Amino acid sequence: MGITISGIVFDGPYLLSNLEAIEGACVYCILYKQRGSWNLAFVGETSNLDDSIKSHHKRDCWIDRAGSESELYIAIYPIPDSTVRQRQRIVARIKIENEPPCNN
């Protein structure tokens, strides 16, 4: 499985509620489906993707966009040896190209 966002192939999307901790740095996208199309709600980066994503400060925005918590998905672009700056550049590019509403 995979989804391309801003020319980058992400793993997933996976149901966010089924997410298990993923060791290593990555860029992640929170998605929801509407009328058969994937929509980007949020993009972020982390050095380790763990259960804290499920209590993220933007979670209410994600749920508002998706309509319910059970409709939230996550796509992951693992970059194990990346720096924070490298991941932030990818996030910035995706934000510019897609304007995810929950990144405001």
Protein backbone atom coordinates (compact mmCIF):
# COMPACT_ATOMS: atom_id res chain seq x y z
CA MET A 1 0.00 0.00 0.00
CA GLY A 2 1.14 3.57 -0.52
CA ILE A 3 -0.07 7.07 -1.21
CA THR A 4 1.82 9.84 -3.01
CA ILE A 5 1.72 13.29 -1.44
CA SER A 6 3.74 16.11 -3.02
CA GLY A 7 5.70 13.57 -5.04
CA ILE A 8 6.69 11.51 -1.98
CA VAL A 9 5.44 7.94 -1.57
CA PHE A 10 4.18 7.43 1.97
CA ASP A 11 3.39 4.07 3.58
CA GLY A 12 -0.31 3.60 4.22
CA PRO A 13 -2.73 5.09 4.77
CA TYR A 14 -3.48 3.13 7.92
CA LEU A 15 -6.32 3.63 10.36
CA LEU A 16 -4.97 5.94 13.05
CA SER A 17 -6.78 3.97 15.74
CA ASN A 18 -4.72 0.88 14.79
CA LEU A 19 -1.38 2.67 14.86
CA GLU A 20 1.42 0.94 16.70
CA ALA A 21 4.57 2.74 17.77
CA ILE A 22 7.13 3.14 15.00
CA GLU A 23 10.73 3.65 15.98
CA GLY A 24 12.75 6.07 13.95
CA ALA A 25 12.25 9.46 12.42
CA CYS A 26 9.49 10.12 9.93
CA VAL A 27 7.18 12.63 8.33
CA TYR A 28 3.52 11.74 8.78
CA CYS A 29 0.25 12.89 7.26
CA ILE A 30 -3.18 12.71 8.86
CA LEU A 31 -5.78 11.93 6.22
CA TYR A 32 -9.50 11.37 5.86
CA LYS A 33 -11.63 10.21 2.97
CA GLN A 34 -14.39 12.33 1.52
CA ARG A 35 -16.43 11.44 -1.55
CA GLY A 36 -13.93 8.69 -2.39
CA SER A 37 -10.88 10.98 -2.29
CA TRP A 38 -8.13 11.27 0.28
CA ASN A 39 -7.86 14.66 1.96
CA LEU A 40 -4.89 15.91 3.94
CA ALA A 41 -5.79 17.36 7.34
CA PHE A 42 -2.33 17.70 8.90
CA VAL A 43 1.36 17.05 8.23
CA GLY A 44 4.04 16.73 10.88
CA GLU A 45 7.40 15.21 11.71
CA THR A 46 8.76 13.29 14.64
CA SER A 47 11.83 11.39 15.79
CA ASN A 48 9.58 8.53 17.00
CA LEU A 49 5.94 7.96 16.15
CA ASP A 50 4.24 6.63 19.25
CA ASP A 51 0.88 6.67 21.00
CA SER A 52 1.27 10.38 21.81
CA ILE A 53 0.02 11.05 18.27
CA LYS A 54 -3.38 9.87 19.51
CA SER A 55 -3.46 12.79 21.97
CA HIS A 56 -1.95 15.38 19.61
CA HIS A 57 -3.03 18.99 20.30
CA LYS A 58 -4.57 19.23 16.78
CA ARG A 59 -6.60 16.02 17.13
CA ASP A 60 -9.93 17.84 17.52
CA CYS A 61 -9.34 19.57 14.19
CA TRP A 62 -8.58 16.22 12.55
CA ILE A 63 -11.81 14.73 13.91
CA ASP A 64 -13.83 17.77 12.81
CA ARG A 65 -12.49 17.34 9.27
CA ALA A 66 -12.99 13.57 9.15
CA GLY A 67 -16.39 13.57 10.81
CA SER A 68 -15.38 11.00 13.41
CA GLU A 69 -12.33 9.55 15.07
CA SER A 70 -12.87 6.23 13.30
CA GLU A 71 -12.35 7.97 9.93
CA LEU A 72 -8.82 9.21 10.66
CA TYR A 73 -5.91 7.67 8.78
CA ILE A 74 -2.16 8.15 8.89
CA ALA A 75 0.44 7.88 6.14
CA ILE A 76 4.09 7.57 7.10
CA TYR A 77 7.32 8.47 5.30
CA PRO A 78 10.13 6.86 7.32
CA ILE A 79 13.45 8.72 7.20
CA PRO A 80 15.50 6.92 9.88
CA ASP A 81 18.76 8.87 9.65
CA SER A 82 17.26 12.30 9.01
CA THR A 83 17.72 15.46 11.01
CA VAL A 84 14.88 17.57 12.38
CA ARG A 85 15.77 20.24 9.83
CA GLN A 86 15.51 17.78 6.91
CA ARG A 87 12.10 16.59 8.10
CA GLN A 88 10.91 20.16 8.66
CA ARG A 89 11.82 21.03 5.05
CA ILE A 90 9.65 18.16 3.78
CA VAL A 91 6.79 19.23 6.06
CA ALA A 92 7.11 22.84 4.84
CA ARG A 93 6.97 21.73 1.20
CA ILE A 94 3.87 19.61 1.79
CA LYS A 95 2.21 22.47 3.69
CA ILE A 96 2.90 24.92 0.86
CA GLU A 97 1.68 22.54 -1.85
CA ASN A 98 -1.42 21.22 -0.02
CA GLU A 99 -2.41 23.77 2.62
CA PRO A 100 -3.60 21.21 5.22
CA PRO A 101 -6.29 22.97 7.26
CA CYS A 102 -5.21 21.68 10.66
CA ASN A 103 -1.65 23.01 10.31
CA ASN A 104 -2.87 26.57 10.88
